Amino acid sequence: MKIDIGKDTKILVFTGPESSGKTTSAERIAMEYQLPLVKEYAREYLTKHGREYTLEDIRNIAKKQVELERQAYQENPLIICDTDIVILEIWALEKYRTSLGIKDELADKKHYLLCYPDIPWEPDSLRENPEDRMRLFERYTHYLRDLNVTVTVLTESDRKELEISF
């Protein structure tokens, strides 16, 4: 699949449910196109602080994720993000039934690459939803549509053949 990101896009965000190929795809595209990669801060945070977390932990993760993204964006004309605040917002809505209330000031510069969960689940000590990926995919779809942002859904074959034109 070839995606023309256009002149207004400055940030490509891989998003979607757990174990849907986000990290692998983000790392491949960043390496292939020699673009900076903003990694998923939640993994670092939960590895350091433990798997048990609160809503306040998710807020702290979200603030740091936004900070890392903003910093990379200021230093580069185009960046790749392995997730962003959307995942954290959906996480808070799912787990705590509340919004984080954190504004994404860079949303108008993003093109979301929504990963369809059509690959086998890979167990991971930080993952929580092996049986619920399709419902969560639909939640991402609706959430992103409501944000009125640019979204491209990527299947496994799309992710493997993904080409970026800019």
Protein backbone atom coordinates (compact mmCIF):
# COMPACT_ATOMS: atom_id res chain seq x y z
CA MET A 1 0.00 0.00 0.00
CA LYS A 2 1.30 3.44 -0.91
CA ILE A 3 0.29 6.46 1.14
CA ASP A 4 0.83 10.03 -0.01
CA ILE A 5 0.99 11.95 3.23
CA GLY A 6 0.75 15.42 1.68
CA LYS A 7 2.39 18.66 2.69
CA ASP A 8 0.34 19.26 5.84
CA THR A 9 1.20 15.96 7.52
CA LYS A 10 4.18 16.16 9.85
CA ILE A 11 3.49 13.16 12.07
CA LEU A 12 2.62 9.58 11.11
CA VAL A 13 1.03 7.76 14.04
CA PHE A 14 0.64 3.99 14.21
CA THR A 15 -2.32 3.27 16.45
CA GLY A 16 -4.77 0.48 17.24
CA PRO A 17 -5.41 -2.33 19.68
CA GLU A 18 -2.69 -4.32 21.40
CA SER A 19 -0.68 -6.77 19.33
CA SER A 20 -1.77 -5.37 15.97
CA GLY A 21 1.65 -4.60 14.50
CA LYS A 22 2.10 -0.96 15.54
CA THR A 23 5.64 -1.16 16.90
CA THR A 24 7.00 -3.42 14.18
CA SER A 25 5.49 -1.19 11.48
CA ALA A 26 6.60 2.08 13.07
CA GLU A 27 10.16 0.82 13.51
CA ARG A 28 10.33 -0.45 9.93
CA ILE A 29 9.05 2.79 8.38
CA ALA A 30 11.28 4.95 10.58
CA MET A 31 14.33 2.90 9.60
CA GLU A 32 13.44 2.60 5.92
CA TYR A 33 12.85 6.34 5.49
CA GLN A 34 15.46 7.47 8.03
CA LEU A 35 12.86 9.30 10.12
CA PRO A 36 12.89 9.84 13.88
CA LEU A 37 10.75 7.45 15.89
CA VAL A 38 8.88 8.47 19.04
CA LYS A 39 8.49 5.23 20.97
CA GLU A 40 5.56 4.21 23.14
CA TYR A 41 6.38 5.71 26.54
CA ALA A 42 3.84 3.50 28.36
CA ARG A 43 6.12 0.47 27.95
CA GLU A 44 9.06 2.27 29.55
CA TYR A 45 6.90 3.64 32.37
CA LEU A 46 5.16 0.35 33.21
CA THR A 47 8.40 -1.62 33.01
CA LYS A 48 9.96 0.79 35.50
CA HIS A 49 6.95 1.29 37.83
CA GLY A 50 5.23 -2.08 37.57
CA ARG A 51 2.21 -3.39 35.78
CA GLU A 52 -0.26 -2.14 38.40
CA TYR A 53 -1.29 1.40 37.55
CA THR A 54 -3.87 4.07 38.30
CA LEU A 55 -5.65 6.70 36.23
CA GLU A 56 -3.03 9.16 37.45
CA ASP A 57 -0.31 6.90 36.02
CA ILE A 58 -2.06 6.96 32.63
CA ARG A 59 -2.22 10.78 32.84
CA ASN A 60 1.51 10.92 33.61
CA ILE A 61 2.26 8.58 30.70
CA ALA A 62 0.10 10.73 28.39
CA LYS A 63 1.82 13.96 29.41
CA LYS A 64 5.25 12.44 28.79
CA GLN A 65 4.17 10.93 25.45
CA VAL A 66 2.92 14.35 24.31
CA GLU A 67 6.16 15.96 25.52
CA LEU A 68 8.34 13.45 23.63
CA GLU A 69 6.26 13.92 20.50
CA ARG A 70 6.38 17.72 20.71
CA GLN A 71 10.15 17.67 21.20
CA ALA A 72 10.72 15.37 18.20
CA TYR A 73 8.35 17.46 16.08
CA GLN A 74 10.23 20.69 16.87
CA GLU A 75 13.51 19.11 15.78
CA ASN A 76 12.33 17.32 12.59
CA PRO A 77 10.10 18.04 9.59
CA LEU A 78 8.45 14.59 9.75
CA ILE A 79 8.30 12.05 12.58
CA ILE A 80 6.91 8.56 13.16
CA CYS A 81 5.06 7.75 16.39
CA ASP A 82 4.55 4.28 17.81
CA THR A 83 1.21 5.30 19.33
CA ASP A 84 0.18 8.67 20.73
CA ILE A 85 -2.34 10.14 23.13
CA VAL A 86 -5.29 8.45 21.36
CA ILE A 87 -4.25 5.07 22.76
CA LEU A 88 -3.94 6.54 26.23
CA GLU A 89 -7.32 8.26 25.96
CA ILE A 90 -9.01 5.02 24.91
CA TRP A 91 -7.13 3.17 27.67
CA ALA A 92 -8.50 5.64 30.27
CA LEU A 93 -12.01 5.43 28.82
CA GLU A 94 -11.91 1.62 28.81
CA LYS A 95 -10.36 1.08 32.23
CA TYR A 96 -11.66 4.07 34.21
CA ARG A 97 -14.61 5.31 32.12
CA THR A 98 -13.15 8.82 32.03
CA SER A 99 -11.31 11.07 29.63
CA LEU A 100 -7.78 12.24 30.34
CA GLY A 101 -8.73 15.78 29.35
CA ILE A 102 -5.36 16.38 27.67
CA LYS A 103 -5.50 18.37 24.44
CA ASP A 104 -3.42 17.16 21.49
CA GLU A 105 -2.05 20.38 20.04
CA LEU A 106 -0.49 18.53 17.10
CA ALA A 107 -3.60 16.59 15.99
CA ASP A 108 -4.02 18.66 12.80
CA LYS A 109 -0.52 17.63 11.68
CA LYS A 110 -1.14 13.88 12.03
CA HIS A 111 -2.01 11.05 9.71
CA TYR A 112 -3.19 8.03 11.69
CA LEU A 113 -2.31 4.54 10.50
CA LEU A 114 -4.87 2.37 12.26
CA CYS A 115 -3.60 -1.20 12.49
CA TYR A 116 -6.24 -3.85 11.95
CA PRO A 117 -5.72 -6.75 14.41
CA ASP A 118 -5.41 -9.53 11.84
CA ILE A 119 -2.19 -11.03 13.16
CA PRO A 120 -1.89 -13.63 15.93
CA TRP A 121 -1.88 -12.35 19.49
CA GLU A 122 1.63 -12.19 20.94
CA PRO A 123 1.66 -12.56 24.72
CA ASP A 124 3.44 -9.83 26.60
CA SER A 125 3.51 -9.11 30.32
CA LEU A 126 2.12 -5.59 29.69
CA ARG A 127 -0.79 -6.54 27.42
CA GLU A 128 -4.31 -6.94 28.77
CA ASN A 129 -6.86 -7.63 26.02
CA PRO A 130 -6.17 -10.81 24.00
CA GLU A 131 -9.84 -11.58 23.35
CA ASP A 132 -11.15 -8.07 22.76
CA ARG A 133 -9.09 -6.67 19.89
CA MET A 134 -11.90 -6.37 17.32
CA ARG A 135 -14.17 -4.46 19.69
CA LEU A 136 -11.26 -2.18 20.56
CA PHE A 137 -10.45 -1.71 16.86
CA GLU A 138 -14.03 -0.48 16.35
CA ARG A 139 -13.64 1.86 19.29
CA TYR A 140 -10.47 3.33 17.72
CA THR A 141 -12.28 3.67 14.39
CA HIS A 142 -15.15 5.64 15.94
CA TYR A 143 -12.89 7.71 18.18
CA LEU A 144 -10.64 8.77 15.30
CA ARG A 145 -13.65 9.52 13.07
CA ASP A 146 -15.06 11.76 15.82
CA LEU A 147 -11.71 13.59 15.99
CA ASN A 148 -12.03 14.31 12.27
CA VAL A 149 -8.41 13.39 11.55
CA THR A 150 -6.86 11.64 8.56
CA VAL A 151 -6.94 7.86 9.03
CA THR A 152 -5.77 4.94 6.91
CA VAL A 153 -6.62 1.41 8.05
CA LEU A 154 -3.75 -1.03 7.55
CA THR A 155 -4.17 -4.79 7.32
CA GLU A 156 -1.23 -7.13 7.83
CA SER A 157 -0.44 -7.17 4.11
CA ASP A 158 -0.76 -3.36 3.94
CA ARG A 159 1.72 -3.01 6.83
CA LYS A 160 4.22 -5.32 5.12
CA GLU A 161 4.01 -3.45 1.81
CA LEU A 162 3.61 0.06 3.18
CA GLU A 163 5.31 2.80 1.21
CA ILE A 164 5.24 6.46 2.13
CA SER A 165 5.26 9.23 -0.46
CA PHE A 166 6.00 12.75 0.75
